[in-house]
Amino acid sequence: MKKTTKILKKILLIASTIFAVVFPSRIYNDSKYNDSEYSTTAEYYNDLTNINLYPTDIDGVDVKYVDENRFQGFHLTPLTKSCISVWYFVLVVLREALILKVHKN
């Protein structure tokens, strides 16, 4: 019984540590990096199948919609092929994916 209690205490400690790190960092990121342009468009998140509502005016990125039978999505191509623009492009794609994931739930 003591062994089980020790294991449960360790699990609780790990869970509370994760909680104490993740949620304050999410609150900080939301307050610092909140993009009000995309977060206020409720129709964008309510109708995910309407392609015209998706933002396609990303600086330094050419956005093309791809529609094949099994694959639908966006092809994002950086306009300049430097290392900095590629990393910026990756960050923009990740930010858009996170915005969709947060507002989809």
N, C-alpha and C. Protein backbone atom coordinates (compact mmCIF):
# COMPACT_ATOMS: atom_id res chain seq x y z
N MET A 1 0.82 -1.20 0.00
CA MET A 1 0.00 0.00 0.00
C MET A 1 0.86 1.26 0.00
N LYS A 2 1.99 1.23 0.72
CA LYS A 2 2.87 2.38 0.76
C LYS A 2 3.50 2.63 -0.60
N LYS A 3 3.78 1.54 -1.31
CA LYS A 3 4.38 1.67 -2.63
C LYS A 3 3.40 2.33 -3.61
N THR A 4 2.15 1.95 -3.54
CA THR A 4 1.11 2.54 -4.38
C THR A 4 0.93 4.02 -4.07
N THR A 5 0.97 4.37 -2.81
CA THR A 5 0.83 5.76 -2.40
C THR A 5 2.00 6.59 -2.93
N LYS A 6 3.21 6.06 -2.87
CA LYS A 6 4.37 6.76 -3.39
C LYS A 6 4.24 7.00 -4.89
N ILE A 7 3.79 5.98 -5.61
CA ILE A 7 3.63 6.11 -7.06
C ILE A 7 2.56 7.15 -7.39
N LEU A 8 1.45 7.13 -6.67
CA LEU A 8 0.39 8.11 -6.92
C LEU A 8 0.84 9.52 -6.60
N LYS A 9 1.64 9.68 -5.54
CA LYS A 9 2.16 11.00 -5.20
C LYS A 9 3.10 11.51 -6.29
N LYS A 10 3.93 10.63 -6.84
CA LYS A 10 4.83 11.04 -7.92
C LYS A 10 4.06 11.43 -9.18
N ILE A 11 3.03 10.66 -9.49
CA ILE A 11 2.20 10.99 -10.65
C ILE A 11 1.52 12.34 -10.44
N LEU A 12 1.00 12.57 -9.27
CA LEU A 12 0.36 13.85 -8.96
C LEU A 12 1.36 14.99 -9.02
N LEU A 13 2.56 14.78 -8.55
CA LEU A 13 3.60 15.81 -8.61
C LEU A 13 3.98 16.13 -10.04
N ILE A 14 4.11 15.13 -10.87
CA ILE A 14 4.44 15.36 -12.28
C ILE A 14 3.30 16.10 -12.98
N ALA A 15 2.07 15.69 -12.74
CA ALA A 15 0.91 16.35 -13.36
C ALA A 15 0.79 17.80 -12.92
N SER A 16 1.00 18.07 -11.64
CA SER A 16 0.90 19.45 -11.16
C SER A 16 2.04 20.31 -11.68
N THR A 17 3.22 19.71 -11.86
CA THR A 17 4.34 20.46 -12.44
C THR A 17 4.05 20.82 -13.89
N ILE A 18 3.54 19.89 -14.64
CA ILE A 18 3.18 20.18 -16.03
C ILE A 18 2.11 21.26 -16.08
N PHE A 19 1.11 21.15 -15.23
CA PHE A 19 0.05 22.15 -15.17
C PHE A 19 0.62 23.52 -14.84
N ALA A 20 1.56 23.56 -13.87
CA ALA A 20 2.14 24.84 -13.43
C ALA A 20 3.02 25.47 -14.50
N VAL A 21 3.54 24.68 -15.42
CA VAL A 21 4.40 25.23 -16.47
C VAL A 21 3.59 25.57 -17.72
N VAL A 22 2.70 24.70 -18.13
CA VAL A 22 2.00 24.87 -19.41
C VAL A 22 1.00 26.01 -19.38
N PHE A 23 0.13 26.06 -18.41
CA PHE A 23 -0.93 27.05 -18.43
C PHE A 23 -0.45 28.48 -18.26
N PRO A 24 0.48 28.78 -17.37
CA PRO A 24 0.98 30.17 -17.34
C PRO A 24 1.69 30.57 -18.63
N SER A 25 2.40 29.63 -19.26
CA SER A 25 3.07 29.98 -20.51
C SER A 25 2.04 30.21 -21.63
N ARG A 26 0.96 29.47 -21.62
CA ARG A 26 -0.09 29.71 -22.63
C ARG A 26 -0.77 31.06 -22.41
N ILE A 27 -1.01 31.41 -21.16
CA ILE A 27 -1.62 32.71 -20.87
C ILE A 27 -0.69 33.84 -21.30
N TYR A 28 0.60 33.70 -21.03
CA TYR A 28 1.58 34.71 -21.44
C TYR A 28 1.63 34.83 -22.96
N ASN A 29 1.70 33.70 -23.66
CA ASN A 29 1.75 33.74 -25.12
C ASN A 29 0.49 34.33 -25.72
N ASP A 30 -0.66 34.02 -25.16
CA ASP A 30 -1.91 34.59 -25.66
C ASP A 30 -1.94 36.10 -25.48
N SER A 31 -1.44 36.58 -24.35
CA SER A 31 -1.47 38.02 -24.11
C SER A 31 -0.43 38.75 -24.94
N LYS A 32 0.72 38.14 -25.18
CA LYS A 32 1.79 38.82 -25.92
C LYS A 32 1.63 38.71 -27.43
N TYR A 33 1.24 37.54 -27.92
CA TYR A 33 1.22 37.29 -29.36
C TYR A 33 -0.19 37.14 -29.93
N ASN A 34 -1.20 37.66 -29.26
CA ASN A 34 -2.56 37.54 -29.74
C ASN A 34 -2.73 38.34 -31.03
N ASP A 35 -3.19 37.69 -32.06
CA ASP A 35 -3.41 38.32 -33.36
C ASP A 35 -4.91 38.57 -33.50
N SER A 36 -5.33 39.78 -33.22
CA SER A 36 -6.76 40.08 -33.20
C SER A 36 -7.40 39.99 -34.57
N GLU A 37 -6.60 40.09 -35.65
CA GLU A 37 -7.17 40.02 -36.99
C GLU A 37 -7.83 38.68 -37.24
N TYR A 38 -7.21 37.59 -36.77
CA TYR A 38 -7.75 36.27 -37.03
C TYR A 38 -8.64 35.76 -35.90
N SER A 39 -8.45 36.27 -34.71
CA SER A 39 -9.22 35.74 -33.58
C SER A 39 -10.63 36.32 -33.51
N THR A 40 -10.90 37.39 -34.25
CA THR A 40 -12.23 37.99 -34.17
C THR A 40 -13.14 37.53 -35.31
N THR A 41 -12.64 36.74 -36.24
CA THR A 41 -13.47 36.32 -37.36
C THR A 41 -14.15 35.00 -37.02
N ALA A 42 -15.30 35.09 -36.41
CA ALA A 42 -16.01 33.89 -35.95
C ALA A 42 -16.46 33.03 -37.12
N GLU A 43 -16.84 33.63 -38.24
CA GLU A 43 -17.30 32.85 -39.38
C GLU A 43 -16.18 31.98 -39.94
N TYR A 44 -14.95 32.40 -39.77
CA TYR A 44 -13.80 31.62 -40.23
C TYR A 44 -13.72 30.28 -39.49
N TYR A 45 -14.04 30.29 -38.22
CA TYR A 45 -13.95 29.07 -37.42
C TYR A 45 -15.24 28.26 -37.44
N ASN A 46 -16.33 28.87 -37.76
CA ASN A 46 -17.60 28.14 -37.81
C ASN A 46 -17.79 27.37 -39.11
N ASP A 47 -17.21 27.89 -40.20
CA ASP A 47 -17.37 27.25 -41.50
C ASP A 47 -16.00 26.90 -42.06
N LEU A 48 -15.44 25.78 -41.61
CA LEU A 48 -14.09 25.39 -42.02
C LEU A 48 -14.01 24.93 -43.46
N THR A 49 -15.14 24.62 -44.09
CA THR A 49 -15.13 24.15 -45.47
C THR A 49 -15.15 25.29 -46.48
N ASN A 50 -15.42 26.50 -46.06
CA ASN A 50 -15.43 27.65 -46.96
C ASN A 50 -14.01 28.15 -47.16
N ILE A 51 -13.43 27.85 -48.30
CA ILE A 51 -12.04 28.17 -48.58
C ILE A 51 -11.82 29.68 -48.67
N ASN A 52 -12.82 30.43 -49.06
CA ASN A 52 -12.66 31.89 -49.22
C ASN A 52 -12.43 32.61 -47.90
N LEU A 53 -12.75 31.99 -46.79
CA LEU A 53 -12.57 32.64 -45.49
C LEU A 53 -11.16 32.48 -44.94
N TYR A 54 -10.36 31.57 -45.49
CA TYR A 54 -9.01 31.35 -44.98
C TYR A 54 -8.11 32.51 -45.34
N PRO A 55 -7.22 32.90 -44.44
CA PRO A 55 -6.30 34.01 -44.76
C PRO A 55 -5.25 33.57 -45.77
N THR A 56 -5.16 34.31 -46.86
CA THR A 56 -4.17 34.00 -47.89
C THR A 56 -3.21 35.15 -48.12
N ASP A 57 -3.26 36.16 -47.29
CA ASP A 57 -2.39 37.33 -47.45
C ASP A 57 -1.26 37.32 -46.42
N ILE A 58 -0.44 36.28 -46.48
CA ILE A 58 0.68 36.14 -45.56
C ILE A 58 1.90 36.79 -46.20
N ASP A 59 2.56 37.69 -45.48
CA ASP A 59 3.71 38.41 -46.01
C ASP A 59 4.83 37.44 -46.36
N GLY A 60 5.36 37.55 -47.58
CA GLY A 60 6.49 36.75 -48.00
C GLY A 60 6.17 35.33 -48.38
N VAL A 61 4.87 34.99 -48.49
CA VAL A 61 4.48 33.62 -48.81
C VAL A 61 3.42 33.64 -49.90
N ASP A 62 3.63 32.79 -50.90
CA ASP A 62 2.64 32.60 -51.96
C ASP A 62 1.73 31.45 -51.54
N VAL A 63 0.44 31.72 -51.43
CA VAL A 63 -0.53 30.73 -50.96
C VAL A 63 -1.41 30.29 -52.12
N LYS A 64 -1.41 28.99 -52.41
CA LYS A 64 -2.26 28.44 -53.47
C LYS A 64 -3.10 27.32 -52.87
N TYR A 65 -4.37 27.29 -53.23
CA TYR A 65 -5.26 26.23 -52.77
C TYR A 65 -5.10 25.02 -53.68
N VAL A 66 -4.95 23.85 -53.08
CA VAL A 66 -4.79 22.60 -53.82
C VAL A 66 -6.01 21.74 -53.53
N ASP A 67 -6.68 21.28 -54.59
CA ASP A 67 -7.85 20.43 -54.42
C ASP A 67 -7.72 19.22 -55.33
N GLU A 68 -7.29 18.13 -54.76
CA GLU A 68 -7.27 16.86 -55.46
C GLU A 68 -8.23 15.95 -54.73
N ASN A 69 -8.53 14.81 -55.28
CA ASN A 69 -9.57 13.97 -54.69
C ASN A 69 -9.30 13.62 -53.24
N ARG A 70 -8.12 13.12 -52.95
CA ARG A 70 -7.82 12.70 -51.59
C ARG A 70 -7.10 13.76 -50.79
N PHE A 71 -6.67 14.81 -51.42
CA PHE A 71 -5.87 15.83 -50.75
C PHE A 71 -6.43 17.21 -51.04
N GLN A 72 -6.82 17.89 -49.99
CA GLN A 72 -7.23 19.28 -50.10
C GLN A 72 -6.41 20.06 -49.08
N GLY A 73 -5.98 21.22 -49.46
CA GLY A 73 -5.22 22.04 -48.54
C GLY A 73 -4.58 23.21 -49.25
N PHE A 74 -3.55 23.76 -48.64
CA PHE A 74 -2.88 24.92 -49.18
C PHE A 74 -1.42 24.60 -49.42
N HIS A 75 -0.93 25.08 -50.54
CA HIS A 75 0.49 24.95 -50.86
C HIS A 75 1.11 26.31 -50.57
N LEU A 76 1.99 26.35 -49.58
CA LEU A 76 2.62 27.60 -49.15
C LEU A 76 4.07 27.61 -49.65
N THR A 77 4.41 28.64 -50.41
CA THR A 77 5.75 28.76 -50.96
C THR A 77 6.32 30.12 -50.57
N PRO A 78 7.51 30.13 -49.96
CA PRO A 78 8.11 31.42 -49.62
C PRO A 78 8.53 32.14 -50.90
N LEU A 79 8.36 33.46 -50.93
CA LEU A 79 8.71 34.23 -52.11
C LEU A 79 10.22 34.37 -52.27
N THR A 80 10.95 34.47 -51.17
CA THR A 80 12.41 34.50 -51.21
C THR A 80 12.93 33.28 -50.48
N LYS A 81 13.93 32.65 -51.03
CA LYS A 81 14.41 31.39 -50.49
C LYS A 81 15.64 31.58 -49.60
N SER A 82 15.57 32.45 -48.64
CA SER A 82 16.67 32.59 -47.70
C SER A 82 16.34 31.80 -46.43
N CYS A 83 17.32 31.59 -45.62
CA CYS A 83 17.14 30.81 -44.39
C CYS A 83 16.14 31.50 -43.46
N ILE A 84 16.23 32.82 -43.35
CA ILE A 84 15.34 33.55 -42.45
C ILE A 84 13.90 33.48 -42.94
N SER A 85 13.71 33.63 -44.24
CA SER A 85 12.34 33.58 -44.75
C SER A 85 11.74 32.19 -44.62
N VAL A 86 12.56 31.16 -44.74
CA VAL A 86 12.05 29.80 -44.57
C VAL A 86 11.60 29.58 -43.13
N TRP A 87 12.38 30.03 -42.16
CA TRP A 87 11.98 29.88 -40.76
C TRP A 87 10.75 30.72 -40.47
N TYR A 88 10.65 31.91 -41.04
CA TYR A 88 9.45 32.73 -40.85
C TYR A 88 8.24 32.01 -41.43
N PHE A 89 8.42 31.43 -42.60
CA PHE A 89 7.36 30.67 -43.25
C PHE A 89 6.89 29.52 -42.37
N VAL A 90 7.83 28.79 -41.77
CA VAL A 90 7.49 27.67 -40.89
C VAL A 90 6.73 28.18 -39.67
N LEU A 91 7.16 29.28 -39.09
CA LEU A 91 6.48 29.83 -37.93
C LEU A 91 5.07 30.30 -38.27
N VAL A 92 4.88 30.88 -39.43
CA VAL A 92 3.54 31.32 -39.85
C VAL A 92 2.63 30.12 -40.01
N VAL A 93 3.13 29.06 -40.62
CA VAL A 93 2.31 27.85 -40.82
C VAL A 93 1.95 27.24 -39.47
N LEU A 94 2.90 27.17 -38.56
CA LEU A 94 2.62 26.62 -37.23
C LEU A 94 1.62 27.48 -36.48
N ARG A 95 1.75 28.80 -36.59
CA ARG A 95 0.81 29.70 -35.91
C ARG A 95 -0.60 29.49 -36.44
N GLU A 96 -0.73 29.39 -37.75
CA GLU A 96 -2.05 29.17 -38.34
C GLU A 96 -2.64 27.83 -37.90
N ALA A 97 -1.79 26.82 -37.82
CA ALA A 97 -2.27 25.50 -37.38
C ALA A 97 -2.71 25.55 -35.92
N LEU A 98 -1.99 26.27 -35.09
CA LEU A 98 -2.38 26.39 -33.69
C LEU A 98 -3.67 27.18 -33.53
N ILE A 99 -3.82 28.22 -34.32
CA ILE A 99 -5.06 29.01 -34.25
C ILE A 99 -6.23 28.13 -34.62
N LEU A 100 -6.10 27.34 -35.67
CA LEU A 100 -7.19 26.44 -36.06
C LEU A 100 -7.47 25.42 -34.99
N LYS A 101 -6.43 24.85 -34.40
CA LYS A 101 -6.61 23.82 -33.38
C LYS A 101 -7.29 24.38 -32.14
N VAL A 102 -6.89 25.58 -31.71
CA VAL A 102 -7.46 26.18 -30.51
C VAL A 102 -8.92 26.52 -30.73
N HIS A 103 -9.24 27.11 -31.88
CA HIS A 103 -10.61 27.54 -32.12
C HIS A 103 -11.51 26.41 -32.60
N LYS A 104 -10.91 25.33 -33.07
CA LYS A 104 -11.71 24.18 -33.48
C LYS A 104 -12.28 23.46 -32.28
N ASN A 105 -11.50 23.42 -31.19
CA ASN A 105 -11.96 22.75 -29.96
C ASN A 105 -12.90 23.66 -29.28
